[in-house]
Structures are given as structure tokens and as C-alpha cells.
Amino acid sequence: MRPRLLPALMLAGLLTLTACGGPSGSGAAASPTCPDGRIRMGVEPFEDPAKLLPAARVLGEALQRRLNCPVDIQVTEDYSAEVLAMRNDKLELGLFGPLGYVFAEQRAGAEAVASFGTADGTLSSYTAAIWVPKDSPITSVAQLRDRSLALGSVGSTSGDALPRQALLDAGLQQADVRIDYAGGHPEALLALVNGKVDAAEINSQQQAAATASGTFDASRFRKVWTSAPIPNDPVTVRGNLDPAFKAALRDALLNLDPQAVGEVGALLDVSPPGKLVPVDKATYAPLFELAAKLGLTEKDVE
């Protein structure tokens, strides 16, 4: 599930966790794999902090053991804050959503190096979809004209950009559909389940989470549109780091224990977990193309 904002009381800017549990950077000596005495990793706010922070901490601890360097996990308020932090050299690593990575690459020189693999070593992915009640007369995106459509949140890859592109591909302008930004994927799903809208975006990650929790019964609904697979969130390194340090980070990430990676991967519907797998800018080329087609900027991404 991928709600994009965390409660304001939790986030006056950054929530910081030192993976080792001690003070940031304590006891670390400069080395090729720890040049500044610590590694700072930003994480997008895509899940409830009660779930996200412990999972991110497990990944950080695994990376710390691999590089013998304290890892600070920083959950940013939103994508823009994470991009800005990397641009200002406040982060060495960043976990971005696919569309957020587009702007991180353009504005902060972020380089995608790894993403979440399945147990067989394949890059994991998810899909966006538009659902309607099973008894709805709507059978295509074109029939959403003058109907209400719940979307997750402005700037979400699967909860905004891709469904809006689907509307354009069906010959509809945004004004032709009554769009309701529900505030997140769970809220969009509930708007449909509770009969508040004619249709809603429900991505495959949210569908799996809601089905497991008993809040969604797919037999009562049907899909009228599904996107092409979206490569899962990339872990990125700051582009202006020393090449040897970047290489060490990449090697460490790609060799982390699958169980440690799987704590975050499970929140992205990757099960059973595998190791992180190599990715690069070309992996996310469709997202760069989507941003250009829709005229999106980083201000459009939460």
C-alpha cells in the first residue's frame, strides 16, 4: 500500500533513525566505505510509520553490517523534501517511488542502482488499475465521462499519473470526469467499497493488502483498465559521490540478505523476498516518458 503522506505530528521535517540504535555517526572512522563517518538514507513516506520505520531500520542495519558504517534512516515528509535533501548533499542514498525517482534524477542527480527482486531474482513490479462495482454499466475508461473517479493522491505514480494518462488515451480530458483525490490508495479503495464513487484506482499492492485485511472482496468488483507493469521503487545513490564509494554502496546493496530486504519489500507486495536486483535509468524510461507527456514537474509529486 502506498499512501504518500505521514501524519504532520510525526514529521516536522525528517524522522531520523540510526540503524545501529546509537547516536548518529558514533564510533565511526573514515574509510573507503564510510568516508564521512555515516551513511544517510532517505525513505519515501509510502506506508504507515509504525510499519515503515521498523522495516527500514532492518534494511539499514543490514547495510551497516556490510559496510561497517552507521546508517541513518530518514523518512522524509514527502518526495520533494527527499529530492531537496539529496540535492543539498544531505543524503547518500534515497528510496524513491518510480515517478519520484524521475525528478530526483533530474534535480538531484540520483542514480538508480537497485530495486526489490522476487525470490527467483526477477525485478518486482506492480500495476495500476481502475475498478468499478460488478453490476456497474461501465465497461471501459471512455464510459467514465461525467462519472466520479477516486484517485489516490496528486503525483502518485499509480494513484494519479497513470490513471490520468488512461483518461487521455480514451479521449477524455480531466474536466470530463469528476475526479476525487481521496488522500491515498486505501482511501480511494474505501470510497469505491462504500459506494461514494462510480470508479476508483486500486493498484495491485493496495489490492493485496486490502484483500489480506478483509476490507476488499474482488468478486464484488471488476477492473475496466490495468496499466503495464511498473518497476518497483528504486534505491538510488547521489550522483556526485566518489565513484569508489558509489561502487561499494551498489555492491553492498546487491548482496544484502533477502530477509533484511524483505521487510521493506513486503510493504511493496514483494513476497517471497529476494535480494535487491540491479536497475538503472533505462529501467524507468516509461516513467520519464509519462512525466514528459503529462507535463509533470517535481511540484506535482507529493
C-alpha atoms as a PDB file:
ATOM      1  CA  MET A   1       0.000   0.000   0.000  1.00  0.00           C
ATOM      2  CA  ARG A   2       1.304   3.414  -0.910  1.00  0.00           C
ATOM      3  CA  PRO A   3      -0.229   6.398   0.913  1.00  0.00           C
ATOM      4  CA  ARG A   4       2.147   9.280   0.296  1.00  0.00           C
ATOM      5  CA  LEU A   5       1.923  11.421   3.402  1.00  0.00           C
ATOM      6  CA  LEU A   6       2.641  10.721   7.064  1.00  0.00           C
ATOM      7  CA  PRO A   7       0.867  12.467   9.951  1.00  0.00           C
ATOM      8  CA  ALA A   8       2.091  16.023  10.422  1.00  0.00           C
ATOM      9  CA  LEU A   9       2.779  15.496  14.110  1.00  0.00           C
ATOM     10  CA  MET A  10       5.237  12.749  13.176  1.00  0.00           C
ATOM     11  CA  LEU A  11       7.039  14.848  10.599  1.00  0.00           C
ATOM     12  CA  ALA A  12       8.224  18.356  11.278  1.00  0.00           C
ATOM     13  CA  GLY A  13      10.794  17.705   8.568  1.00  0.00           C
ATOM     14  CA  LEU A  14      12.604  14.366   8.859  1.00  0.00           C
ATOM     15  CA  LEU A  15      12.177  11.386  11.104  1.00  0.00           C
ATOM     16  CA  THR A  16      15.656  10.016  11.698  1.00  0.00           C
ATOM     17  CA  LEU A  17      16.598   6.563  12.872  1.00  0.00           C
ATOM     18  CA  THR A  18      20.183   5.478  13.310  1.00  0.00           C
ATOM     19  CA  ALA A  19      20.222   1.864  12.209  1.00  0.00           C
ATOM     20  CA  CYS A  20      22.607   0.807  14.954  1.00  0.00           C
ATOM     21  CA  GLY A  21      20.361   2.379  17.583  1.00  0.00           C
ATOM     22  CA  GLY A  22      23.038   4.761  18.862  1.00  0.00           C
ATOM     23  CA  PRO A  23      23.884   8.388  18.169  1.00  0.00           C
ATOM     24  CA  SER A  24      24.282   9.291  14.517  1.00  0.00           C
ATOM     25  CA  GLY A  25      27.783   8.579  13.306  1.00  0.00           C
ATOM     26  CA  SER A  26      29.047   7.482  16.709  1.00  0.00           C
ATOM     27  CA  GLY A  27      32.229   5.432  16.763  1.00  0.00           C
ATOM     28  CA  ALA A  28      32.755   5.514  13.005  1.00  0.00           C
ATOM     29  CA  ALA A  29      36.155   6.178  11.486  1.00  0.00           C
ATOM     30  CA  ALA A  30      36.615   7.454   7.953  1.00  0.00           C
ATOM     31  CA  SER A  31      37.179   4.645   5.452  1.00  0.00           C
ATOM     32  CA  PRO A  32      36.533   3.982   1.757  1.00  0.00           C
ATOM     33  CA  THR A  33      33.107   2.565   2.658  1.00  0.00           C
ATOM     34  CA  CYS A  34      32.395   5.163   5.354  1.00  0.00           C
ATOM     35  CA  PRO A  35      34.092   8.375   4.193  1.00  0.00           C
ATOM     36  CA  ASP A  36      32.070  10.773   6.357  1.00  0.00           C
ATOM     37  CA  GLY A  37      31.578   8.501   9.350  1.00  0.00           C
ATOM     38  CA  ARG A  38      27.983   7.609   8.421  1.00  0.00           C
ATOM     39  CA  ILE A  39      25.624   6.957   5.541  1.00  0.00           C
ATOM     40  CA  ARG A  40      22.331   8.851   5.358  1.00  0.00           C
ATOM     41  CA  MET A  41      19.451   7.128   3.580  1.00  0.00           C
ATOM     42  CA  GLY A  42      16.164   8.846   2.769  1.00  0.00           C
ATOM     43  CA  VAL A  43      12.956   6.813   2.525  1.00  0.00           C
ATOM     44  CA  GLU A  44       9.748   7.913   0.845  1.00  0.00           C
ATOM     45  CA  PRO A  45       6.683   8.054   3.146  1.00  0.00           C
ATOM     46  CA  PHE A  46       4.745   5.309   1.365  1.00  0.00           C
ATOM     47  CA  GLU A  47       3.445   3.446   4.429  1.00  0.00           C
ATOM     48  CA  ASP A  48       2.253   3.973   7.984  1.00  0.00           C
ATOM     49  CA  PRO A  49       5.309   4.853  10.102  1.00  0.00           C
ATOM     50  CA  ALA A  50       4.510   2.091  12.574  1.00  0.00           C
ATOM     51  CA  LYS A  51       5.270  -0.369   9.771  1.00  0.00           C
ATOM     52  CA  LEU A  52       7.717   1.587   7.641  1.00  0.00           C
ATOM     53  CA  LEU A  53      10.246   2.663  10.247  1.00  0.00           C
ATOM     54  CA  PRO A  54      10.951  -0.808  11.692  1.00  0.00           C
ATOM     55  CA  ALA A  55      11.236  -2.278   8.200  1.00  0.00           C
ATOM     56  CA  ALA A  56      13.579   0.465   7.032  1.00  0.00           C
ATOM     57  CA  ARG A  57      15.644   0.045  10.171  1.00  0.00           C
ATOM     58  CA  VAL A  58      16.202  -3.662   9.397  1.00  0.00           C
ATOM     59  CA  LEU A  59      17.468  -2.755   5.940  1.00  0.00           C
ATOM     60  CA  GLY A  60      19.706  -0.049   7.398  1.00  0.00           C
ATOM     61  CA  GLU A  61      21.191  -2.409   9.966  1.00  0.00           C
ATOM     62  CA  ALA A  62      21.994  -4.951   7.246  1.00  0.00           C
ATOM     63  CA  LEU A  63      23.699  -2.282   5.159  1.00  0.00           C
ATOM     64  CA  GLN A  64      25.624  -1.098   8.211  1.00  0.00           C
ATOM     65  CA  ARG A  65      26.977  -4.575   8.852  1.00  0.00           C
ATOM     66  CA  ARG A  66      28.009  -4.950   5.222  1.00  0.00           C
ATOM     67  CA  LEU A  67      29.896  -1.634   5.094  1.00  0.00           C
ATOM     68  CA  ASN A  68      30.907  -1.307   8.759  1.00  0.00           C
ATOM     69  CA  CYS A  69      29.414   2.189   8.789  1.00  0.00           C
ATOM     70  CA  PRO A  70      26.460   3.642  10.758  1.00  0.00           C
ATOM     71  CA  VAL A  71      23.366   4.134   8.590  1.00  0.00           C
ATOM     72  CA  ASP A  72      20.883   6.889   9.410  1.00  0.00           C
ATOM     73  CA  ILE A  73      17.382   6.164   8.074  1.00  0.00           C
ATOM     74  CA  GLN A  74      15.499   9.386   7.390  1.00  0.00           C
ATOM     75  CA  VAL A  75      11.809   9.217   6.474  1.00  0.00           C
ATOM     76  CA  THR A  76      11.094  12.426   4.606  1.00  0.00           C
ATOM     77  CA  GLU A  77       7.901  14.421   4.752  1.00  0.00           C
ATOM     78  CA  ASP A  78       7.299  13.958   1.029  1.00  0.00           C
ATOM     79  CA  TYR A  79       9.086  13.360  -2.262  1.00  0.00           C
ATOM     80  CA  SER A  80      10.067  16.991  -2.682  1.00  0.00           C
ATOM     81  CA  ALA A  81      11.800  17.040   0.706  1.00  0.00           C
ATOM     82  CA  GLU A  82      13.739  13.896  -0.201  1.00  0.00           C
ATOM     83  CA  VAL A  83      14.796  15.333  -3.570  1.00  0.00           C
ATOM     84  CA  LEU A  84      15.872  18.572  -1.892  1.00  0.00           C
ATOM     85  CA  ALA A  85      17.842  16.726   0.787  1.00  0.00           C
ATOM     86  CA  MET A  86      19.749  14.747  -1.846  1.00  0.00           C
ATOM     87  CA  ARG A  87      20.299  17.837  -3.975  1.00  0.00           C
ATOM     88  CA  ASN A  88      21.794  19.602  -0.939  1.00  0.00           C
ATOM     89  CA  ASP A  89      24.129  16.656  -0.235  1.00  0.00           C
ATOM     90  CA  LYS A  90      22.188  15.667   2.901  1.00  0.00           C
ATOM     91  CA  LEU A  91      21.584  12.092   1.683  1.00  0.00           C
ATOM     92  CA  GLU A  92      23.902   9.491   0.211  1.00  0.00           C
ATOM     93  CA  LEU A  93      21.078   7.046  -0.558  1.00  0.00           C
ATOM     94  CA  GLY A  94      17.397   7.508  -1.335  1.00  0.00           C
ATOM     95  CA  LEU A  95      14.458   5.139  -1.775  1.00  0.00           C
ATOM     96  CA  PHE A  96      12.030   6.830  -4.159  1.00  0.00           C
ATOM     97  CA  GLY A  97       8.775   5.872  -5.802  1.00  0.00           C
ATOM     98  CA  PRO A  98       9.158   5.342  -9.560  1.00  0.00           C
ATOM     99  CA  LEU A  99       7.836   8.785 -10.507  1.00  0.00           C
ATOM    100  CA  GLY A 100       9.619  10.455  -7.608  1.00  0.00           C
ATOM    101  CA  TYR A 101      12.869   8.985  -8.918  1.00  0.00           C
ATOM    102  CA  VAL A 102      12.309  10.769 -12.239  1.00  0.00           C
ATOM    103  CA  PHE A 103      12.536  14.131 -10.501  1.00  0.00           C
ATOM    104  CA  ALA A 104      15.297  13.018  -8.158  1.00  0.00           C
ATOM    105  CA  GLU A 105      17.367  12.115 -11.219  1.00  0.00           C
ATOM    106  CA  GLN A 106      16.610  15.401 -12.937  1.00  0.00           C
ATOM    107  CA  ARG A 107      17.050  17.717  -9.944  1.00  0.00           C
ATOM    108  CA  ALA A 108      19.447  15.897  -7.624  1.00  0.00           C
ATOM    109  CA  GLY A 109      21.457  13.628  -9.907  1.00  0.00           C
ATOM    110  CA  ALA A 110      20.095  10.489  -8.243  1.00  0.00           C
ATOM    111  CA  GLU A 111      21.320   7.264  -9.846  1.00  0.00           C
ATOM    112  CA  ALA A 112      19.109   4.173  -9.642  1.00  0.00           C
ATOM    113  CA  VAL A 113      21.190   1.160  -8.629  1.00  0.00           C
ATOM    114  CA  ALA A 114      18.884  -1.459  -7.095  1.00  0.00           C
ATOM    115  CA  SER A 115      15.270  -2.414  -6.586  1.00  0.00           C
ATOM    116  CA  PHE A 116      13.286  -5.192  -4.971  1.00  0.00           C
ATOM    117  CA  GLY A 117      13.640  -8.623  -6.514  1.00  0.00           C
ATOM    118  CA  THR A 118      11.476 -11.691  -6.210  1.00  0.00           C
ATOM    119  CA  ALA A 119      12.810 -14.977  -4.859  1.00  0.00           C
ATOM    120  CA  ASP A 120      13.834 -16.042  -8.383  1.00  0.00           C
ATOM    121  CA  GLY A 121      15.884 -12.883  -8.906  1.00  0.00           C
ATOM    122  CA  THR A 122      13.384 -11.071 -11.116  1.00  0.00           C
ATOM    123  CA  LEU A 123      12.692  -7.359 -10.681  1.00  0.00           C
ATOM    124  CA  SER A 124       9.342  -6.981  -8.931  1.00  0.00           C
ATOM    125  CA  SER A 125       6.613  -4.757 -10.306  1.00  0.00           C
ATOM    126  CA  TYR A 126       3.048  -3.675  -9.643  1.00  0.00           C
ATOM    127  CA  THR A 127       0.152  -2.370 -11.713  1.00  0.00           C
ATOM    128  CA  ALA A 128      -2.308   0.478 -11.568  1.00  0.00           C
ATOM    129  CA  ALA A 129      -5.963  -0.308 -12.220  1.00  0.00           C
ATOM    130  CA  ILE A 130      -9.392   1.282 -12.348  1.00  0.00           C
ATOM    131  CA  TRP A 131     -12.191  -0.711 -10.724  1.00  0.00           C
ATOM    132  CA  VAL A 132     -15.984  -0.407 -10.741  1.00  0.00           C
ATOM    133  CA  PRO A 133     -18.733  -2.333  -8.931  1.00  0.00           C
ATOM    134  CA  LYS A 134     -19.513  -5.674 -10.530  1.00  0.00           C
ATOM    135  CA  ASP A 135     -23.022  -4.548 -11.519  1.00  0.00           C
ATOM    136  CA  SER A 136     -21.872  -1.195 -12.947  1.00  0.00           C
ATOM    137  CA  PRO A 137     -22.742  -0.429 -16.585  1.00  0.00           C
ATOM    138  CA  ILE A 138     -19.233   0.998 -17.013  1.00  0.00           C
ATOM    139  CA  THR A 139     -17.104  -1.370 -19.066  1.00  0.00           C
ATOM    140  CA  SER A 140     -14.355   0.947 -20.349  1.00  0.00           C
ATOM    141  CA  VAL A 141     -12.421   4.039 -19.384  1.00  0.00           C
ATOM    142  CA  ALA A 142     -14.239   6.022 -22.080  1.00  0.00           C
ATOM    143  CA  GLN A 143     -17.507   5.414 -20.219  1.00  0.00           C
ATOM    144  CA  LEU A 144     -16.200   7.329 -17.200  1.00  0.00           C
ATOM    145  CA  ARG A 145     -17.354  10.581 -18.846  1.00  0.00           C
ATOM    146  CA  ASP A 146     -19.494  12.512 -16.327  1.00  0.00           C
ATOM    147  CA  ARG A 147     -18.818   9.817 -13.712  1.00  0.00           C
ATOM    148  CA  SER A 148     -16.922  10.063 -10.422  1.00  0.00           C
ATOM    149  CA  LEU A 149     -13.455   8.546 -10.131  1.00  0.00           C
ATOM    150  CA  ALA A 150     -11.494   8.296  -6.880  1.00  0.00           C
ATOM    151  CA  LEU A 151      -7.735   8.674  -7.279  1.00  0.00           C
ATOM    152  CA  GLY A 152      -5.170   8.166  -4.530  1.00  0.00           C
ATOM    153  CA  SER A 153      -3.225  11.412  -4.293  1.00  0.00           C
ATOM    154  CA  VAL A 154      -1.776  14.068  -6.563  1.00  0.00           C
ATOM    155  CA  GLY A 155       1.531  12.961  -8.077  1.00  0.00           C
ATOM    156  CA  SER A 156       1.249   9.262  -7.226  1.00  0.00           C
ATOM    157  CA  THR A 157       2.538   7.010  -9.999  1.00  0.00           C
ATOM    158  CA  SER A 158      -0.315   4.501  -9.910  1.00  0.00           C
ATOM    159  CA  GLY A 159      -2.794   6.653  -7.996  1.00  0.00           C
ATOM    160  CA  ASP A 160      -2.749   9.687 -10.275  1.00  0.00           C
ATOM    161  CA  ALA A 161      -0.384   9.907 -13.248  1.00  0.00           C
ATOM    162  CA  LEU A 162      -1.122   6.569 -14.899  1.00  0.00           C
ATOM    163  CA  PRO A 163      -4.934   6.739 -14.472  1.00  0.00           C
ATOM    164  CA  ARG A 164      -4.925  10.291 -15.846  1.00  0.00           C
ATOM    165  CA  GLN A 165      -2.934   9.088 -18.850  1.00  0.00           C
ATOM    166  CA  ALA A 166      -5.536   6.336 -19.296  1.00  0.00           C
ATOM    167  CA  LEU A 167      -8.258   9.010 -19.423  1.00  0.00           C
ATOM    168  CA  LEU A 168      -6.331  10.917 -22.091  1.00  0.00           C
ATOM    169  CA  ASP A 169      -5.763   7.738 -24.089  1.00  0.00           C
ATOM    170  CA  ALA A 170      -9.543   7.150 -24.003  1.00  0.00           C
ATOM    171  CA  GLY A 171     -10.204  10.630 -25.400  1.00  0.00           C
ATOM    172  CA  LEU A 172     -11.235  12.195 -22.096  1.00  0.00           C
ATOM    173  CA  GLN A 173      -9.977  15.393 -20.532  1.00  0.00           C
ATOM    174  CA  GLN A 174      -9.715  15.716 -16.780  1.00  0.00           C
ATOM    175  CA  ALA A 175     -12.758  18.033 -16.791  1.00  0.00           C
ATOM    176  CA  ASP A 176     -14.842  15.266 -18.394  1.00  0.00           C
ATOM    177  CA  VAL A 177     -14.599  13.140 -15.243  1.00  0.00           C
ATOM    178  CA  ARG A 178     -15.450  14.065 -11.655  1.00  0.00           C
ATOM    179  CA  ILE A 179     -12.099  13.265 -10.057  1.00  0.00           C
ATOM    180  CA  ASP A 180     -11.929  12.909  -6.297  1.00  0.00           C
ATOM    181  CA  TYR A 181      -8.433  12.821  -4.774  1.00  0.00           C
ATOM    182  CA  ALA A 182      -9.173  10.634  -1.792  1.00  0.00           C
ATOM    183  CA  GLY A 183      -5.855  11.167   0.000  1.00  0.00           C
ATOM    184  CA  GLY A 184      -4.220   7.807  -0.615  1.00  0.00           C
ATOM    185  CA  HIS A 185      -4.714   4.364  -2.090  1.00  0.00           C
ATOM    186  CA  PRO A 186      -6.609   2.958   0.947  1.00  0.00           C
ATOM    187  CA  GLU A 187      -8.968   5.936   0.897  1.00  0.00           C
ATOM    188  CA  ALA A 188      -9.657   5.564  -2.841  1.00  0.00           C
ATOM    189  CA  LEU A 189     -10.430   1.881  -2.360  1.00  0.00           C
ATOM    190  CA  LEU A 190     -12.789   2.612   0.543  1.00  0.00           C
ATOM    191  CA  ALA A 191     -14.579   5.285  -1.492  1.00  0.00           C
ATOM    192  CA  LEU A 192     -15.462   2.571  -4.014  1.00  0.00           C
ATOM    193  CA  VAL A 193     -16.272  -0.097  -1.437  1.00  0.00           C
ATOM    194  CA  ASN A 194     -18.582   2.329   0.411  1.00  0.00           C
ATOM    195  CA  GLY A 195     -20.380   3.399  -2.760  1.00  0.00           C
ATOM    196  CA  LYS A 196     -19.142   7.002  -2.697  1.00  0.00           C
ATOM    197  CA  VAL A 197     -17.846   6.976  -6.291  1.00  0.00           C
ATOM    198  CA  ASP A 198     -18.550   5.232  -9.584  1.00  0.00           C
ATOM    199  CA  ALA A 199     -14.952   4.043 -10.016  1.00  0.00           C
ATOM    200  CA  ALA A 200     -11.622   4.100  -8.227  1.00  0.00           C
ATOM    201  CA  GLU A 201      -7.962   3.431  -8.817  1.00  0.00           C
ATOM    202  CA  ILE A 202      -6.730   0.426  -6.865  1.00  0.00           C
ATOM    203  CA  ASN A 203      -3.187  -0.681  -7.546  1.00  0.00           C
ATOM    204  CA  SER A 204      -2.110  -4.284  -7.163  1.00  0.00           C
ATOM    205  CA  GLN A 205      -0.215  -3.572  -3.940  1.00  0.00           C
ATOM    206  CA  GLN A 206      -3.244  -1.992  -2.289  1.00  0.00           C
ATOM    207  CA  GLN A 207      -5.488  -4.737  -3.605  1.00  0.00           C
ATOM    208  CA  ALA A 208      -3.271  -7.384  -1.988  1.00  0.00           C
ATOM    209  CA  ALA A 209      -3.113  -5.532   1.335  1.00  0.00           C
ATOM    210  CA  ALA A 210      -6.853  -4.855   1.444  1.00  0.00           C
ATOM    211  CA  THR A 211      -7.714  -8.420   0.463  1.00  0.00           C
ATOM    212  CA  ALA A 212      -5.461  -9.762   3.216  1.00  0.00           C
ATOM    213  CA  SER A 213      -7.066  -7.465   5.784  1.00  0.00           C
ATOM    214  CA  GLY A 214     -10.599  -8.333   4.669  1.00  0.00           C
ATOM    215  CA  THR A 215     -11.526  -4.833   3.501  1.00  0.00           C
ATOM    216  CA  PHE A 216     -11.773  -5.724  -0.200  1.00  0.00           C
ATOM    217  CA  ASP A 217     -13.578  -8.591  -1.930  1.00  0.00           C
ATOM    218  CA  ALA A 218     -12.556  -8.605  -5.598  1.00  0.00           C
ATOM    219  CA  SER A 219     -15.561 -10.762  -6.522  1.00  0.00           C
ATOM    220  CA  ARG A 220     -17.827  -7.747  -5.896  1.00  0.00           C
ATOM    221  CA  PHE A 221     -15.911  -5.533  -8.341  1.00  0.00           C
ATOM    222  CA  ARG A 222     -14.194  -5.700 -11.716  1.00  0.00           C
ATOM    223  CA  LYS A 223     -11.359  -3.948 -13.492  1.00  0.00           C
ATOM    224  CA  VAL A 224     -12.024  -1.820 -16.557  1.00  0.00           C
ATOM    225  CA  TRP A 225      -8.391  -0.825 -17.060  1.00  0.00           C
ATOM    226  CA  THR A 226      -4.972  -2.103 -15.996  1.00  0.00           C
ATOM    227  CA  SER A 227      -1.622  -0.467 -16.628  1.00  0.00           C
ATOM    228  CA  ALA A 228       1.513  -2.089 -17.921  1.00  0.00           C
ATOM    229  CA  PRO A 229       3.744  -3.392 -15.111  1.00  0.00           C
ATOM    230  CA  ILE A 230       5.503  -0.636 -13.153  1.00  0.00           C
ATOM    231  CA  PRO A 231       9.027  -1.475 -11.917  1.00  0.00           C
ATOM    232  CA  ASN A 232       9.149  -1.248  -8.138  1.00  0.00           C
ATOM    233  CA  ASP A 233      10.793   1.549  -6.158  1.00  0.00           C
ATOM    234  CA  PRO A 234      14.500   2.118  -6.832  1.00  0.00           C
ATOM    235  CA  VAL A 235      17.205   2.598  -4.239  1.00  0.00           C
ATOM    236  CA  THR A 236      19.345   5.434  -5.567  1.00  0.00           C
ATOM    237  CA  VAL A 237      22.780   6.874  -4.803  1.00  0.00           C
ATOM    238  CA  ARG A 238      23.717  10.541  -5.018  1.00  0.00           C
ATOM    239  CA  GLY A 239      25.461  11.108  -8.306  1.00  0.00           C
ATOM    240  CA  ASN A 240      28.279  13.347  -7.074  1.00  0.00           C
ATOM    241  CA  LEU A 241      29.689  10.801  -4.623  1.00  0.00           C
ATOM    242  CA  ASP A 242      33.153   9.381  -5.118  1.00  0.00           C
ATOM    243  CA  PRO A 243      32.945   6.622  -7.756  1.00  0.00           C
ATOM    244  CA  ALA A 244      34.653   4.096  -5.486  1.00  0.00           C
ATOM    245  CA  PHE A 245      32.165   4.819  -2.703  1.00  0.00           C
ATOM    246  CA  LYS A 246      29.237   4.508  -5.128  1.00  0.00           C
ATOM    247  CA  ALA A 247      30.585   1.166  -6.276  1.00  0.00           C
ATOM    248  CA  ALA A 248      30.859  -0.007  -2.663  1.00  0.00           C
ATOM    249  CA  LEU A 249      27.293   1.072  -1.931  1.00  0.00           C
ATOM    250  CA  ARG A 250      25.994  -0.708  -5.033  1.00  0.00           C
ATOM    251  CA  ASP A 251      27.872  -3.913  -4.195  1.00  0.00           C
ATOM    252  CA  ALA A 252      26.628  -3.856  -0.605  1.00  0.00           C
ATOM    253  CA  LEU A 253      23.012  -3.249  -1.596  1.00  0.00           C
ATOM    254  CA  LEU A 254      23.003  -6.069  -4.149  1.00  0.00           C
ATOM    255  CA  ASN A 255      24.379  -8.512  -1.604  1.00  0.00           C
ATOM    256  CA  LEU A 256      22.108  -7.806   1.358  1.00  0.00           C
ATOM    257  CA  ASP A 257      20.325 -10.769   2.909  1.00  0.00           C
ATOM    258  CA  PRO A 258      16.894 -11.295   1.310  1.00  0.00           C
ATOM    259  CA  GLN A 259      15.199 -11.398   4.706  1.00  0.00           C
ATOM    260  CA  ALA A 260      16.505  -7.934   5.570  1.00  0.00           C
ATOM    261  CA  VAL A 261      15.447  -6.600   2.174  1.00  0.00           C
ATOM    262  CA  GLY A 262      12.120  -8.383   2.525  1.00  0.00           C
ATOM    263  CA  GLU A 263      10.983  -6.277   5.483  1.00  0.00           C
ATOM    264  CA  VAL A 264      10.557  -3.286   3.185  1.00  0.00           C
ATOM    265  CA  GLY A 265       9.751  -5.477   0.199  1.00  0.00           C
ATOM    266  CA  ALA A 266       6.723  -6.915   1.976  1.00  0.00           C
ATOM    267  CA  LEU A 267       5.273  -3.400   2.213  1.00  0.00           C
ATOM    268  CA  LEU A 268       5.644  -3.220  -1.576  1.00  0.00           C
ATOM    269  CA  ASP A 269       3.863  -6.576  -2.038  1.00  0.00           C
ATOM    270  CA  VAL A 270       7.090  -8.469  -2.801  1.00  0.00           C
ATOM    271  CA  SER A 271       6.685 -11.961  -1.384  1.00  0.00           C
ATOM    272  CA  PRO A 272       8.546 -14.223  -1.007  1.00  0.00           C
ATOM    273  CA  PRO A 273      11.501 -11.838  -0.774  1.00  0.00           C
ATOM    274  CA  GLY A 274      14.601 -11.963  -2.888  1.00  0.00           C
ATOM    275  CA  LYS A 275      17.754  -9.886  -2.990  1.00  0.00           C
ATOM    276  CA  LEU A 276      17.832  -6.388  -4.382  1.00  0.00           C
ATOM    277  CA  VAL A 277      18.447  -6.576  -8.134  1.00  0.00           C
ATOM    278  CA  PRO A 278      20.338  -4.155 -10.425  1.00  0.00           C
ATOM    279  CA  VAL A 279      18.407  -1.343 -12.124  1.00  0.00           C
ATOM    280  CA  ASP A 280      19.385   1.842 -13.922  1.00  0.00           C
ATOM    281  CA  LYS A 281      17.756   4.856 -15.546  1.00  0.00           C
ATOM    282  CA  ALA A 282      16.700   2.810 -18.559  1.00  0.00           C
ATOM    283  CA  THR A 283      14.602   0.572 -16.284  1.00  0.00           C
ATOM    284  CA  TYR A 284      12.364   3.551 -15.541  1.00  0.00           C
ATOM    285  CA  ALA A 285      12.271   5.010 -19.066  1.00  0.00           C
ATOM    286  CA  PRO A 286       8.442   4.671 -19.268  1.00  0.00           C
ATOM    287  CA  LEU A 287       8.122   6.892 -16.191  1.00  0.00           C
ATOM    288  CA  PHE A 288      10.340   9.575 -17.724  1.00  0.00           C
ATOM    289  CA  GLU A 289       8.156   9.415 -20.839  1.00  0.00           C
ATOM    290  CA  LEU A 290       4.969   9.616 -18.749  1.00  0.00           C
ATOM    291  CA  ALA A 291       6.181  12.694 -16.879  1.00  0.00           C
ATOM    292  CA  ALA A 292       7.006  14.389 -20.177  1.00  0.00           C
ATOM    293  CA  LYS A 293       3.637  13.505 -21.762  1.00  0.00           C
ATOM    294  CA  LEU A 294       1.686  14.851 -18.777  1.00  0.00           C
ATOM    295  CA  GLY A 295       3.927  17.875 -18.323  1.00  0.00           C
ATOM    296  CA  LEU A 296       4.684  16.906 -14.728  1.00  0.00           C
ATOM    297  CA  THR A 297       7.327  18.544 -12.545  1.00  0.00           C
ATOM    298  CA  GLU A 298       8.553  17.688  -9.065  1.00  0.00           C
ATOM    299  CA  LYS A 299       5.904  20.089  -7.697  1.00  0.00           C
ATOM    300  CA  ASP A 300       3.272  17.639  -8.967  1.00  0.00           C
ATOM    301  CA  VAL A 301       4.687  14.797  -6.882  1.00  0.00           C
ATOM    302  CA  GLU A 302       3.847  14.529  -3.193  1.00  0.00           C
END
